[in-house]
Protein backbone atom coordinates (compact mmCIF):
# COMPACT_ATOMS: atom_id res chain seq x y z
CA MET A 1 22.79 -58.00 34.69
CA GLN A 2 25.80 -58.90 32.81
CA PRO A 3 27.80 -56.40 30.41
CA ILE A 4 28.87 -57.80 26.93
CA ARG A 5 32.05 -58.98 26.99
CA LYS A 6 33.25 -58.93 23.16
CA ASN A 7 33.68 -56.37 20.65
CA VAL A 8 30.53 -55.26 18.87
CA ARG A 9 31.34 -54.29 15.05
CA TRP A 10 27.92 -52.22 14.64
CA HIS A 11 29.16 -49.93 17.45
CA TRP A 12 31.45 -48.58 14.86
CA ILE A 13 28.44 -47.93 12.74
CA PHE A 14 27.32 -45.51 15.37
CA ILE A 15 31.02 -43.85 15.04
CA VAL A 16 30.82 -43.29 11.65
CA PHE A 17 26.90 -41.58 12.13
CA LEU A 18 28.23 -39.29 14.46
CA SER A 19 31.03 -38.45 12.43
CA TYR A 20 28.37 -37.62 9.72
CA MET A 21 26.69 -35.73 11.97
CA MET A 22 28.70 -33.35 12.94
CA VAL A 23 29.61 -31.86 9.38
CA ILE A 24 25.98 -31.28 8.51
CA PRO A 25 25.20 -27.42 7.99
CA GLY A 26 22.14 -25.75 10.32
CA ALA A 27 20.86 -22.84 9.50
CA TRP A 28 20.30 -21.78 12.92
CA ALA A 29 23.24 -23.58 14.80
CA GLN A 30 24.64 -22.59 17.98
CA HIS A 31 27.90 -23.26 20.02
CA TYR A 32 28.71 -23.67 23.42
CA LEU A 33 30.80 -24.70 26.07
CA THR A 34 29.27 -26.79 28.86
CA LEU A 35 30.34 -27.33 31.98
CA GLY A 36 28.08 -30.08 34.27
CA ALA A 37 28.28 -32.32 37.38
CA GLY A 38 25.74 -34.67 38.40
CA TYR A 39 24.45 -38.21 40.13
CA SER A 40 25.39 -41.60 38.52
CA ALA A 41 24.14 -45.04 39.71
CA ALA A 42 25.24 -48.66 37.89
CA LEU A 43 24.10 -52.13 38.64
CA LEU A 44 28.02 -53.18 38.52
CA GLY A 45 28.74 -57.48 37.91
CA SER A 46 31.21 -59.85 36.12
CA ASP A 47 30.87 -63.61 35.74
CA ASP A 48 34.01 -63.61 37.71
CA LEU A 49 32.01 -61.66 41.07
CA ASN A 50 29.12 -64.12 40.01
CA LEU A 51 31.29 -67.16 40.67
CA PHE A 52 32.77 -66.37 43.54
CA LYS A 53 29.24 -65.28 45.52
CA ASP A 54 28.16 -68.90 44.37
CA THR A 55 30.63 -71.31 45.68
CA TYR A 56 31.13 -68.36 48.78
CA ASN A 57 28.10 -69.51 49.91
CA GLY A 58 28.03 -73.01 48.85
CA VAL A 59 31.17 -73.32 51.40
CA PHE A 60 29.55 -71.54 53.90
CA GLY A 61 25.78 -72.76 53.92
CA LEU A 62 24.52 -73.33 56.73
CA ASP A 63 26.71 -70.96 58.69
CA LEU A 64 24.84 -67.97 56.91
CA VAL A 65 22.29 -65.67 58.36
CA GLN A 66 22.44 -63.82 55.06
CA PRO A 67 24.16 -65.17 52.00
CA MET A 68 25.93 -62.96 49.47
CA LYS A 69 22.96 -61.18 46.94
CA GLY A 70 25.63 -59.65 44.59
CA PHE A 71 26.63 -55.72 44.46
CA ASP A 72 23.32 -53.52 45.56
CA VAL A 73 22.97 -50.65 42.88
CA SER A 74 26.30 -48.70 43.01
CA VAL A 75 26.45 -44.93 42.99
CA GLY A 76 28.22 -42.17 42.30
CA MET A 77 28.90 -38.95 40.84
CA ARG A 78 29.96 -37.50 37.48
CA TRP A 79 31.69 -34.61 36.02
CA GLU A 80 32.33 -33.36 33.07
CA ILE A 81 33.47 -30.29 30.01
CA GLY A 82 32.25 -30.15 26.65
CA TYR A 83 30.92 -28.26 23.46
CA ARG A 84 27.40 -28.88 22.60
CA ARG A 85 26.17 -27.74 18.87
CA TRP A 86 22.65 -26.86 19.01
CA SER A 87 20.16 -26.96 16.04
CA LYS A 88 17.72 -28.77 14.67
CA ILE A 89 19.99 -31.35 14.56
CA ASN A 90 22.03 -31.72 17.92
CA MET A 91 25.32 -33.11 18.94
CA ALA A 92 27.64 -32.59 21.91
CA PHE A 93 31.09 -34.19 22.76
CA PHE A 94 32.65 -34.21 26.40
CA LEU A 95 35.30 -35.35 28.76
CA GLY A 96 34.93 -36.11 32.19
CA SER A 97 35.67 -38.75 34.86
CA GLN A 98 32.72 -40.77 37.29
CA ASN A 99 32.96 -43.26 39.99
CA PHE A 100 30.32 -45.54 41.39
CA SER A 101 30.25 -46.96 45.09
CA GLY A 102 28.14 -50.57 45.67
CA THR A 103 28.22 -52.80 48.62
CA ASP A 104 27.49 -56.60 49.34
CA GLN A 105 27.66 -58.36 52.91
CA ALA A 106 28.11 -62.16 54.47
CA ARG A 107 26.33 -62.23 57.60
CA PHE A 108 27.13 -65.10 60.12
CA TYR A 109 25.90 -66.37 63.63
CA SER A 110 29.10 -65.15 64.60
CA GLY A 111 29.90 -62.16 62.37
CA GLU A 112 29.86 -60.45 59.01
CA ARG A 113 32.04 -59.92 55.55
CA GLN A 114 31.49 -56.51 54.13
CA PHE A 115 32.55 -55.99 50.95
CA THR A 116 32.83 -52.81 48.96
CA LEU A 117 33.48 -52.09 45.29
CA ASP A 118 34.79 -48.95 43.81
CA VAL A 119 35.20 -48.09 40.33
CA LYS A 120 36.68 -44.57 39.14
CA THR A 121 36.92 -43.97 35.46
CA TYR A 122 38.19 -41.19 33.09
CA PHE A 123 35.63 -40.91 29.92
CA VAL A 124 35.00 -39.38 26.31
CA GLU A 125 31.55 -39.27 25.41
CA PHE A 126 29.91 -38.39 21.99
CA GLU A 127 26.09 -37.43 21.52
CA ALA A 128 24.17 -37.06 18.49
CA GLY A 129 20.59 -36.43 17.87
CA ARG A 130 17.07 -34.53 17.13
CA THR A 131 16.02 -31.58 18.70
CA ILE A 132 11.70 -30.84 19.56
CA LYS A 133 11.47 -26.99 20.79
CA LYS A 134 13.70 -27.31 23.97
CA PHE A 135 14.03 -30.82 24.52
CA PHE A 136 16.40 -33.04 22.41
CA ILE A 137 16.78 -37.23 22.54
CA ASN A 138 19.92 -38.28 21.61
CA GLY A 139 22.06 -41.34 20.92
CA VAL A 140 25.32 -41.74 23.14
CA LEU A 141 28.42 -43.49 22.50
CA SER A 142 31.06 -43.50 25.46
CA VAL A 143 34.66 -44.80 25.56
CA PHE A 144 35.99 -45.44 29.10
CA PHE A 145 39.51 -44.89 29.73
CA LYS A 146 41.99 -45.56 33.13
CA ARG A 147 39.18 -47.61 34.93
CA ASP A 148 40.75 -48.41 38.20
CA VAL A 149 38.82 -51.14 40.20
CA THR A 150 39.26 -51.49 44.26
CA LEU A 151 37.37 -54.31 45.66
CA SER A 152 38.02 -54.22 49.96
CA SER A 153 37.02 -57.16 51.95
CA ILE A 154 37.03 -57.28 55.64
CA TYR A 155 35.78 -59.46 57.86
CA SER A 156 34.17 -58.01 61.40
CA THR A 157 34.94 -60.78 63.86
CA SER A 158 39.07 -61.19 64.79
CA GLU A 159 38.74 -64.37 66.85
CA GLU A 160 38.00 -66.67 63.67
CA GLU A 161 41.39 -66.23 61.93
CA SER A 162 39.95 -68.82 59.20
CA LYS A 163 37.87 -66.46 57.61
CA LYS A 164 40.08 -63.41 57.80
CA ALA A 165 42.23 -64.67 55.33
CA LEU A 166 40.17 -62.82 52.78
CA ASP A 167 40.81 -59.49 54.40
CA GLY A 168 42.27 -56.81 52.22
CA THR A 169 42.38 -54.04 49.58
CA PHE A 170 42.22 -55.26 46.15
CA LYS A 171 42.90 -53.11 42.86
CA GLY A 172 43.17 -53.57 39.27
CA ILE A 173 43.11 -52.00 36.27
CA THR A 174 40.70 -51.99 33.06
CA ALA A 175 42.41 -49.94 30.09
CA VAL A 176 39.23 -49.50 28.15
CA SER A 177 35.53 -50.23 28.28
CA THR A 178 32.91 -49.11 25.48
CA ASP A 179 29.28 -48.19 26.13
CA ILE A 180 25.62 -47.78 24.10
CA GLY A 181 22.71 -45.70 24.88
CA ILE A 182 20.10 -42.83 24.83
CA ALA A 183 20.15 -38.98 26.46
CA LEU A 184 16.83 -37.25 27.06
CA GLY A 185 17.25 -33.69 27.88
CA TYR A 186 15.69 -30.03 28.09
CA PHE A 187 17.93 -27.32 27.28
CA LYS A 188 17.24 -23.25 27.81
CA GLU A 189 20.41 -21.11 28.65
CA PRO A 190 21.99 -20.93 30.85
CA VAL A 191 20.77 -24.87 31.97
CA CYS A 192 20.91 -28.47 30.31
CA LEU A 193 19.52 -30.97 31.67
CA THR A 194 20.31 -34.97 31.10
CA ALA A 195 19.14 -37.76 31.94
CA LYS A 196 21.21 -40.59 30.32
CA ILE A 197 20.94 -44.36 30.56
CA THR A 198 24.18 -46.47 29.03
CA TYR A 199 25.05 -50.32 28.30
CA PRO A 200 28.32 -51.89 27.79
CA LEU A 201 29.07 -53.15 24.25
CA PHE A 202 32.85 -54.07 25.34
CA THR A 203 35.15 -54.19 28.36
CA GLY A 204 38.34 -55.40 28.71
CA GLY A 205 41.82 -54.29 26.95
CA GLY A 206 43.78 -55.40 29.21
CA SER A 207 41.99 -56.57 32.27
CA LYS A 208 43.94 -57.14 35.52
CA THR A 209 43.06 -59.60 37.96
CA LEU A 210 42.10 -57.62 41.20
CA GLN A 211 45.20 -57.91 43.85
CA ASP A 212 46.52 -56.33 47.56
CA ARG A 213 50.25 -56.00 46.84
CA SER A 214 50.94 -55.48 50.49
CA PRO A 215 53.71 -57.38 52.10
CA ASP A 216 51.48 -59.35 54.34
CA LYS A 217 49.40 -60.95 51.56
CA MET A 218 52.35 -61.43 49.15
CA ALA A 219 54.13 -63.39 51.77
CA GLU A 220 50.80 -65.12 52.75
CA GLY A 221 49.75 -65.78 49.10
CA THR A 222 46.62 -64.31 49.08
CA TYR A 223 47.56 -61.44 47.16
CA ILE A 224 44.68 -61.86 44.47
CA PHE A 225 41.12 -62.01 45.07
CA PRO A 226 39.61 -65.21 44.49
CA ASP A 227 36.96 -65.66 41.47
CA ASP A 228 36.41 -69.22 42.97
CA TYR A 229 35.99 -69.29 46.68
CA GLU A 230 36.05 -72.95 47.23
CA ALA A 231 39.41 -73.65 44.52
CA TYR A 232 40.80 -70.77 46.66
CA LEU A 233 40.30 -72.16 50.31
CA PHE A 234 41.20 -75.46 49.39
CA GLY A 235 44.58 -74.86 47.98
CA GLU A 236 43.32 -75.47 44.68
CA GLY A 237 44.33 -73.52 41.16
CA TYR A 238 41.87 -70.32 40.23
CA GLN A 239 42.00 -67.22 38.24
CA GLY A 240 40.86 -64.35 40.09
CA VAL A 241 38.49 -62.05 39.43
CA LYS A 242 39.33 -59.32 36.60
CA GLY A 243 38.75 -55.65 36.46
CA ASN A 244 36.47 -55.68 33.71
CA ILE A 245 33.24 -55.35 36.44
CA ASP A 246 30.57 -53.40 34.49
CA GLY A 247 27.16 -52.87 33.89
CA LEU A 248 23.89 -50.94 32.89
CA LYS A 249 24.74 -47.07 33.86
CA PHE A 250 22.03 -44.41 34.73
CA MET A 251 23.35 -40.34 34.91
CA VAL A 252 21.42 -37.66 35.67
CA THR A 253 23.42 -34.16 34.53
CA VAL A 254 22.89 -30.58 35.32
CA ALA A 255 25.43 -28.25 33.42
CA PHE A 256 25.66 -24.71 32.99
CA VAL A 257 26.31 -23.68 29.34
CA TYR A 258 28.17 -20.66 27.52
CA LYS A 259 27.65 -19.30 23.93
CA ILE A 260 30.74 -19.19 21.74
CA LYS A 261 28.99 -18.83 18.60
CA LYS A 262 26.35 -18.00 16.97
């Protein structure tokens, strides 16, 4: 599943909506500080990674016992601190960090190439929606920043040096990305349970190619992870895989709440 690559104007409507909701008075509104942690999963991908997978499988063809399939479900942890306004119209604001890690591999008769993708990011998140007794359903807007992306590649058999040229730890940064989604939750002091699903509207903002800046890779001229493996192998021009790797996300969070105002 591929994230949307261009900014979508209507996500600004959602921001205005959240701002409006924040000033609506509540006859029985209660205010809480929250501290939470949870489990995250994502279907990460990009056009660059798809091109690399297709060209890599195409080059090696019948030599492969198992071709690359694309990264599996990437999993990780989420940490957050924030504020929740509990009333008929409930709202929340969070700051936190989130990480994902996933793998892919290509198996040969003589060895295996293993890929590991890690994404670490900070976020600011807004929620607003309706309360139904102790349950709530909210719209979610997430802004991720300082997205550190690392793609590690290693071939298991040292005897085939031609295949080991792609070995390395390639890193890149995407300045910002924006997600929109929905949250379902249960609230009963001192705990708030929340399940969320979000999808990227925009991933970019200064995205750079994934690079391994080690002296050996720089000297060999193989420091950029290729988007087109065939072009890379035959010394032709290629752009490289950029750090704007993103996708559908699932989060389950348990937060402890502390009442600060009646």
